[in-house]
């Protein structure tokens, strides 16, 4: 300050203050200038009108800044969803000539845990078995994880999921794997020997019941053969709990309609397998002929009159809690109405 009270500013101070002013182009400016030739004129005009109004809140180049922020948020969301899906879902790898070695190992590891009964979930692929498996495993606990992943797409499991809760072993059997009891299917055969409580999971939204009928036919065939050999059925008929799943989805069929469709498909399979067995029986293989005789071919099939097992159809949902009826079946091996 001079003697006359006037503040004197040196040239160096002026140059330093000029360099501090935000007049130099920033990164967003370079991006806008790069994109401007490719944008429609109305968009460019809108950017010039909007930027001055938003500058007090976002700084210069408001439109580009907001666009970058939205893009970054979207990318973070994708990363979180990817990590979450990897953490809470498990799939195997498709290997040609898979011989159930890994499946047997998983079951052996679960055998080391103490359990009093086995609940086996079977059904065609994409029926919702794994979802129901986790619902059963997490009964009574915080269902936050299930709510978080209620919209996760259905996955095709290539290996069984096995877990033990309250001394009950739950097994989610892959839909792509066979449910036939034979020397080649050693993993499933070992489960069958434990006399599991069977849950057949069916997607109620599917128009056709062919794949589900194939699984049910094999189960009925195995139960029939077990009765003939007196190895499974003793004081009461075993129950197949047919879970008509995804009832919370629009256009899902009710259990009664699913039962009628399954009966039609089973009658067709009886006819086909009867003809095939007759051909094989000509070569002296009488056992194959006996397998398909669990119901007289040509007579109307009555699923509620089978003398070697009982079928129980019930609605289940992905969104709601496990019904008391299904809980009772898993814990006691019987229906609540019994």
Protein backbone atom coordinates (compact mmCIF):
# COMPACT_ATOMS: atom_id res chain seq x y z
CA UNK A 1 0.00 0.00 0.00
CA UNK A 2 1.44 3.42 -1.00
CA UNK A 3 1.45 6.62 1.01
CA UNK A 4 -1.74 7.79 -0.73
CA UNK A 5 -3.62 4.68 0.41
CA UNK A 6 -3.63 3.01 -2.99
CA UNK A 7 -2.85 -0.70 -3.00
CA UNK A 8 -0.07 -1.53 -5.40
CA UNK A 9 -0.05 -4.91 -7.08
CA UNK A 10 3.08 -6.16 -8.73
CA UNK A 11 3.10 -7.68 -12.18
CA UNK A 12 4.16 -11.05 -10.75
CA UNK A 13 1.11 -11.08 -8.49
CA UNK A 14 -1.14 -10.38 -11.44
CA UNK A 15 0.32 -13.23 -13.50
CA UNK A 16 0.02 -15.63 -10.56
CA UNK A 17 -3.64 -14.76 -10.02
CA UNK A 18 -4.39 -15.22 -13.70
CA UNK A 19 -2.97 -18.74 -13.64
CA UNK A 20 -5.26 -19.63 -10.75
CA UNK A 21 -8.43 -18.63 -12.59
CA UNK A 22 -10.40 -21.65 -13.93
CA UNK A 23 -10.25 -20.48 -17.52
CA UNK A 24 -8.10 -23.34 -18.77
CA UNK A 25 -10.09 -26.13 -20.45
CA UNK A 26 -10.82 -29.06 -18.11
CA UNK A 27 -11.27 -32.75 -19.00
CA UNK A 28 -15.06 -32.46 -19.36
CA UNK A 29 -14.58 -29.60 -21.83
CA UNK A 30 -12.32 -31.71 -24.02
CA UNK A 31 -14.93 -34.50 -23.94
CA UNK A 32 -17.75 -32.11 -24.89
CA UNK A 33 -15.72 -30.64 -27.75
CA UNK A 34 -14.96 -34.14 -28.97
CA UNK A 35 -18.61 -35.24 -28.88
CA UNK A 36 -20.18 -32.05 -30.24
CA UNK A 37 -19.70 -32.91 -33.97
CA UNK A 38 -21.56 -36.20 -33.40
CA UNK A 39 -24.48 -34.76 -31.44
CA UNK A 40 -27.69 -33.37 -32.97
CA UNK A 41 -27.86 -29.55 -32.93
CA UNK A 42 -30.82 -29.48 -30.50
CA UNK A 43 -28.79 -31.51 -28.00
CA UNK A 44 -25.82 -29.16 -28.32
CA UNK A 45 -28.08 -26.14 -27.82
CA UNK A 46 -29.67 -27.76 -24.78
CA UNK A 47 -26.24 -28.37 -23.23
CA UNK A 48 -25.32 -24.69 -23.66
CA UNK A 49 -28.61 -23.61 -22.03
CA UNK A 50 -28.46 -26.07 -19.13
CA UNK A 51 -24.79 -25.81 -18.16
CA UNK A 52 -24.92 -22.19 -16.84
CA UNK A 53 -27.97 -23.00 -14.69
CA UNK A 54 -26.37 -26.09 -13.09
CA UNK A 55 -22.86 -24.70 -12.79
CA UNK A 56 -23.42 -23.35 -9.21
CA UNK A 57 -24.24 -26.93 -8.12
CA UNK A 58 -21.95 -29.14 -10.21
CA UNK A 59 -19.25 -26.82 -11.46
CA UNK A 60 -18.39 -26.20 -15.12
CA UNK A 61 -19.57 -28.58 -17.84
CA UNK A 62 -22.54 -29.73 -15.78
CA UNK A 63 -24.11 -31.99 -18.42
CA UNK A 64 -20.90 -33.90 -19.08
CA UNK A 65 -20.24 -34.24 -15.35
CA UNK A 66 -23.72 -35.64 -14.70
CA UNK A 67 -23.42 -38.03 -17.64
CA UNK A 68 -20.11 -39.35 -16.32
CA UNK A 69 -21.57 -39.76 -12.83
CA UNK A 70 -24.51 -41.79 -14.13
CA UNK A 71 -22.22 -43.95 -16.24
CA UNK A 72 -19.93 -44.63 -13.29
CA UNK A 73 -22.89 -45.52 -11.06
CA UNK A 74 -24.23 -47.95 -13.65
CA UNK A 75 -20.85 -49.66 -13.95
CA UNK A 76 -20.55 -49.99 -10.17
CA UNK A 77 -24.04 -51.55 -10.05
CA UNK A 78 -23.06 -54.09 -12.68
CA UNK A 79 -19.94 -55.02 -10.75
CA UNK A 80 -21.89 -55.45 -7.51
CA UNK A 81 -24.51 -57.64 -9.19
CA UNK A 82 -21.80 -59.76 -10.79
CA UNK A 83 -19.97 -60.28 -7.50
CA UNK A 84 -23.23 -61.05 -5.67
CA UNK A 85 -24.32 -63.63 -8.25
CA UNK A 86 -20.93 -65.38 -8.00
CA UNK A 87 -21.08 -65.42 -4.24
CA UNK A 88 -24.58 -66.77 -3.70
CA UNK A 89 -24.88 -69.18 -6.62
CA UNK A 90 -22.76 -72.20 -7.41
CA UNK A 91 -22.50 -74.10 -10.63
CA UNK A 92 -20.21 -76.75 -11.96
CA UNK A 93 -18.55 -77.04 -15.32
CA UNK A 94 -19.99 -79.14 -18.12
CA UNK A 95 -17.56 -81.99 -18.72
CA UNK A 96 -18.10 -84.62 -21.39
CA UNK A 97 -18.39 -88.11 -19.96
CA UNK A 98 -19.09 -86.88 -16.43
CA UNK A 99 -19.06 -89.95 -14.15
CA UNK A 100 -20.49 -88.51 -10.92
CA UNK A 101 -17.05 -88.49 -9.28
CA UNK A 102 -17.46 -84.95 -7.97
CA UNK A 103 -21.06 -85.65 -6.97
CA UNK A 104 -19.95 -88.66 -4.94
CA UNK A 105 -17.26 -86.56 -3.24
CA UNK A 106 -19.78 -83.88 -2.25
CA UNK A 107 -22.15 -86.47 -0.84
CA UNK A 108 -19.33 -88.18 1.03
CA UNK A 109 -18.35 -84.89 2.64
CA UNK A 110 -21.95 -84.34 3.75
CA UNK A 111 -22.06 -87.88 5.15
CA UNK A 112 -19.44 -86.84 7.67
CA UNK A 113 -22.07 -84.60 9.28
CA UNK A 114 -24.61 -86.23 11.56
CA UNK A 115 -28.16 -86.41 10.20
CA UNK A 116 -31.23 -88.49 10.89
CA UNK A 117 -33.08 -88.17 7.57
CA UNK A 118 -32.55 -87.13 3.96
CA UNK A 119 -34.75 -84.83 1.87
CA UNK A 120 -34.11 -85.21 -1.85
CA UNK A 121 -35.25 -82.54 -4.32
CA UNK A 122 -35.52 -83.77 -7.91
CA UNK A 123 -37.11 -82.47 -11.07
CA UNK A 124 -36.36 -81.24 -14.59
CA UNK A 125 -33.91 -78.39 -15.19
CA UNK A 126 -35.03 -74.83 -14.41
CA UNK A 127 -37.88 -75.99 -12.19
CA UNK A 128 -36.68 -73.97 -9.19
CA UNK A 129 -35.13 -76.78 -7.13
CA UNK A 130 -32.11 -74.79 -5.97
CA UNK A 131 -34.25 -71.85 -4.91
CA UNK A 132 -36.51 -74.16 -2.89
CA UNK A 133 -33.43 -75.91 -1.49
CA UNK A 134 -32.15 -72.64 0.00
CA UNK A 135 -35.61 -71.79 1.29
CA UNK A 136 -35.67 -75.09 3.18
CA UNK A 137 -32.12 -74.68 4.42
CA UNK A 138 -32.75 -71.16 5.76
CA UNK A 139 -36.07 -71.77 7.51
CA UNK A 140 -36.42 -69.63 10.61
CA UNK A 141 -33.31 -67.61 9.85
CA UNK A 142 -32.89 -64.13 8.42
CA UNK A 143 -34.22 -64.31 4.86
CA UNK A 144 -32.39 -61.17 3.76
CA UNK A 145 -30.22 -63.14 1.35
CA UNK A 146 -33.26 -64.72 -0.28
CA UNK A 147 -34.92 -61.32 -0.67
CA UNK A 148 -31.74 -59.84 -2.16
CA UNK A 149 -31.60 -62.55 -4.80
CA UNK A 150 -35.28 -63.02 -5.53
CA UNK A 151 -34.72 -61.75 -9.08
CA UNK A 152 -31.59 -63.79 -9.83
CA UNK A 153 -32.18 -65.80 -13.03
CA UNK A 154 -32.68 -69.54 -12.68
CA UNK A 155 -29.43 -71.44 -13.08
CA UNK A 156 -28.85 -75.00 -14.26
CA UNK A 157 -26.86 -76.78 -11.55
CA UNK A 158 -24.40 -79.39 -12.76
CA UNK A 159 -23.54 -80.74 -9.32
CA UNK A 160 -25.74 -81.46 -6.29
CA UNK A 161 -26.08 -78.96 -3.47
CA UNK A 162 -25.83 -80.71 -0.11
CA UNK A 163 -26.41 -79.31 3.36
CA UNK A 164 -27.43 -80.44 6.83
CA UNK A 165 -29.76 -78.38 9.05
CA UNK A 166 -31.32 -79.59 12.30
CA UNK A 167 -30.04 -83.13 11.62
CA UNK A 168 -31.81 -83.26 8.25
CA UNK A 169 -29.71 -83.62 5.11
CA UNK A 170 -31.05 -81.69 2.12
CA UNK A 171 -29.89 -82.64 -1.37
CA UNK A 172 -30.65 -80.57 -4.46
CA UNK A 173 -30.17 -83.08 -7.28
CA UNK A 174 -29.32 -81.55 -10.71
CA UNK A 175 -32.10 -81.71 -13.26
CA UNK A 176 -29.70 -82.85 -15.98
CA UNK A 177 -28.68 -85.95 -13.97
CA UNK A 178 -30.51 -89.25 -14.01
CA UNK A 179 -32.67 -90.44 -11.11
CA UNK A 180 -32.35 -94.09 -12.11
CA UNK A 181 -30.89 -96.51 -9.56
CA UNK A 182 -28.15 -98.55 -11.26
CA UNK A 183 -24.48 -99.39 -11.03
CA UNK A 184 -23.49 -96.52 -13.33
CA UNK A 185 -25.35 -93.87 -11.33
CA UNK A 186 -23.50 -94.57 -8.11
CA UNK A 187 -24.05 -91.14 -6.51
CA UNK A 188 -27.84 -91.27 -6.80
CA UNK A 189 -27.93 -94.95 -5.85
CA UNK A 190 -26.17 -94.16 -2.58
CA UNK A 191 -28.82 -91.53 -1.81
CA UNK A 192 -31.63 -93.94 -2.68
CA UNK A 193 -30.34 -96.46 -0.14
CA UNK A 194 -30.95 -93.91 2.62
CA UNK A 195 -34.69 -93.95 1.79
CA UNK A 196 -34.97 -90.19 1.21
CA UNK A 197 -38.08 -88.07 1.51
CA UNK A 198 -38.80 -87.24 -2.12
CA UNK A 199 -39.80 -83.80 -3.37
CA UNK A 200 -40.53 -83.53 -7.09
CA UNK A 201 -40.26 -79.85 -8.07
CA UNK A 202 -42.23 -78.80 -11.16
CA UNK A 203 -42.33 -75.42 -12.87
CA UNK A 204 -46.03 -74.54 -12.89
CA UNK A 205 -45.53 -71.96 -15.63
CA UNK A 206 -44.39 -74.45 -18.28
CA UNK A 207 -46.99 -75.38 -20.86
CA UNK A 208 -45.78 -78.98 -21.27
CA UNK A 209 -45.20 -81.53 -18.53
CA UNK A 210 -43.10 -83.97 -20.59
CA UNK A 211 -39.75 -83.49 -18.78
CA UNK A 212 -41.42 -83.61 -15.35
CA UNK A 213 -43.32 -86.75 -16.35
CA UNK A 214 -40.05 -88.43 -17.38
CA UNK A 215 -38.61 -87.83 -13.91
CA UNK A 216 -41.80 -88.94 -12.16
CA UNK A 217 -42.04 -92.08 -14.31
CA UNK A 218 -38.52 -93.11 -13.31
CA UNK A 219 -39.25 -92.50 -9.62
CA UNK A 220 -42.45 -94.55 -9.80
CA UNK A 221 -40.59 -97.30 -11.57
CA UNK A 222 -37.89 -97.40 -8.90
CA UNK A 223 -40.45 -97.41 -6.08
CA UNK A 224 -42.36 -100.21 -7.75
CA UNK A 225 -39.22 -102.31 -8.10
CA UNK A 226 -38.31 -101.56 -4.47
CA UNK A 227 -41.68 -102.89 -3.35
CA UNK A 228 -41.22 -106.04 -5.42
CA UNK A 229 -37.88 -106.67 -3.72
CA UNK A 230 -39.29 -105.64 -0.29
CA UNK A 231 -36.31 -103.37 0.33
CA UNK A 232 -38.01 -100.03 0.72
CA UNK A 233 -41.69 -100.15 1.57
CA UNK A 234 -42.44 -101.51 5.04
CA UNK A 235 -45.17 -100.15 7.31
CA UNK A 236 -46.48 -97.31 5.14
CA UNK A 237 -46.44 -96.12 1.56
CA UNK A 238 -43.68 -93.69 0.65
CA UNK A 239 -44.81 -90.23 -0.38
CA UNK A 240 -43.67 -88.18 -3.35
CA UNK A 241 -44.36 -84.55 -2.51
CA UNK A 242 -45.06 -82.91 -5.88
CA UNK A 243 -44.20 -79.25 -5.40
CA UNK A 244 -46.04 -77.24 -8.06
CA UNK A 245 -43.51 -74.43 -7.88
CA UNK A 246 -43.51 -70.76 -8.92
CA UNK A 247 -47.18 -70.26 -8.07
CA UNK A 248 -46.37 -66.58 -7.51
CA UNK A 249 -45.59 -66.17 -11.22
CA UNK A 250 -48.42 -65.05 -13.56
CA UNK A 251 -50.10 -67.79 -15.64
CA UNK A 252 -48.94 -70.56 -13.28
CA UNK A 253 -51.14 -73.65 -13.43
CA UNK A 254 -52.80 -74.96 -10.29
CA UNK A 255 -51.87 -78.38 -8.84
CA UNK A 256 -55.05 -80.04 -10.12
CA UNK A 257 -54.34 -79.10 -13.72
CA UNK A 258 -50.72 -80.20 -13.38
CA UNK A 259 -51.89 -83.56 -12.04
CA UNK A 260 -54.12 -84.08 -15.07
CA UNK A 261 -51.31 -83.18 -17.47
CA UNK A 262 -48.89 -85.51 -15.71
CA UNK A 263 -51.40 -88.35 -15.87
CA UNK A 264 -51.71 -87.92 -19.63
CA UNK A 265 -47.92 -87.92 -20.09
CA UNK A 266 -47.48 -90.96 -17.82
CA UNK A 267 -50.08 -92.92 -19.78
CA UNK A 268 -48.15 -92.15 -22.95
CA UNK A 269 -44.88 -93.30 -21.36
CA UNK A 270 -46.53 -96.51 -20.17
CA UNK A 271 -47.58 -97.29 -23.74
CA UNK A 272 -44.15 -96.50 -25.18
CA UNK A 273 -42.20 -98.42 -22.56
CA UNK A 274 -44.59 -101.36 -22.73
CA UNK A 275 -43.92 -101.73 -26.44
CA UNK A 276 -40.17 -101.36 -25.91
CA UNK A 277 -40.18 -103.90 -23.08
CA UNK A 278 -42.11 -106.39 -25.17
CA UNK A 279 -39.46 -106.20 -27.85
CA UNK A 280 -36.62 -106.66 -25.36
CA UNK A 281 -38.48 -109.46 -23.57
CA UNK A 282 -38.34 -111.52 -26.74
CA UNK A 283 -34.61 -111.78 -26.12
CA UNK A 284 -35.23 -113.25 -22.65
CA UNK A 285 -34.93 -110.05 -20.59
CA UNK A 286 -38.01 -110.52 -18.41
CA UNK A 287 -36.85 -107.96 -15.82
CA UNK A 288 -37.39 -105.12 -18.26
CA UNK A 289 -40.95 -106.29 -18.86
CA UNK A 290 -41.66 -106.26 -15.12
CA UNK A 291 -40.36 -102.71 -14.71
CA UNK A 292 -43.09 -101.18 -16.85
CA UNK A 293 -45.96 -103.08 -15.25
CA UNK A 294 -46.46 -100.78 -12.27
CA UNK A 295 -49.84 -99.92 -13.85
CA UNK A 296 -51.92 -102.00 -16.30
CA UNK A 297 -51.35 -100.56 -19.74
CA UNK A 298 -54.54 -99.57 -21.50
CA UNK A 299 -56.47 -98.78 -18.32
CA UNK A 300 -57.04 -95.17 -17.21
CA UNK A 301 -54.25 -94.19 -14.86
CA UNK A 302 -55.42 -93.15 -11.39
CA UNK A 303 -52.55 -91.50 -9.58
CA UNK A 304 -54.37 -91.63 -6.26
CA UNK A 305 -54.78 -95.41 -6.45
CA UNK A 306 -51.16 -96.53 -6.71
CA UNK A 307 -50.47 -99.41 -4.31
CA UNK A 308 -46.73 -98.79 -3.93
CA UNK A 309 -46.53 -95.04 -3.24
CA UNK A 310 -48.59 -91.93 -2.68
CA UNK A 311 -48.47 -88.72 -4.70
CA UNK A 312 -49.30 -85.46 -2.98
CA UNK A 313 -49.68 -82.30 -5.08
CA UNK A 314 -49.25 -78.91 -3.41
CA UNK A 315 -48.50 -75.31 -4.35
CA UNK A 316 -45.13 -73.76 -3.54
CA UNK A 317 -43.79 -70.30 -4.20
CA UNK A 318 -40.47 -68.55 -4.73
CA UNK A 319 -41.63 -65.40 -2.98
CA UNK A 320 -43.42 -66.77 0.08
CA UNK A 321 -42.09 -68.75 3.01
CA UNK A 322 -42.09 -72.54 2.94
CA UNK A 323 -45.55 -73.86 3.76
CA UNK A 324 -46.14 -75.63 7.06
CA UNK A 325 -47.22 -78.69 5.11
CA UNK A 326 -43.86 -78.95 3.32
CA UNK A 327 -41.95 -78.24 6.54
CA UNK A 328 -43.76 -81.09 8.26
CA UNK A 329 -42.99 -83.44 5.39
CA UNK A 330 -39.29 -82.58 5.49
CA UNK A 331 -39.02 -82.94 9.28
CA UNK A 332 -41.20 -86.00 9.82
CA UNK A 333 -41.54 -87.65 6.44
CA UNK A 334 -45.32 -87.42 6.60
CA UNK A 335 -48.04 -85.01 5.60
CA UNK A 336 -49.65 -82.69 8.12
CA UNK A 337 -53.06 -84.18 7.33
CA UNK A 338 -51.89 -87.61 8.44
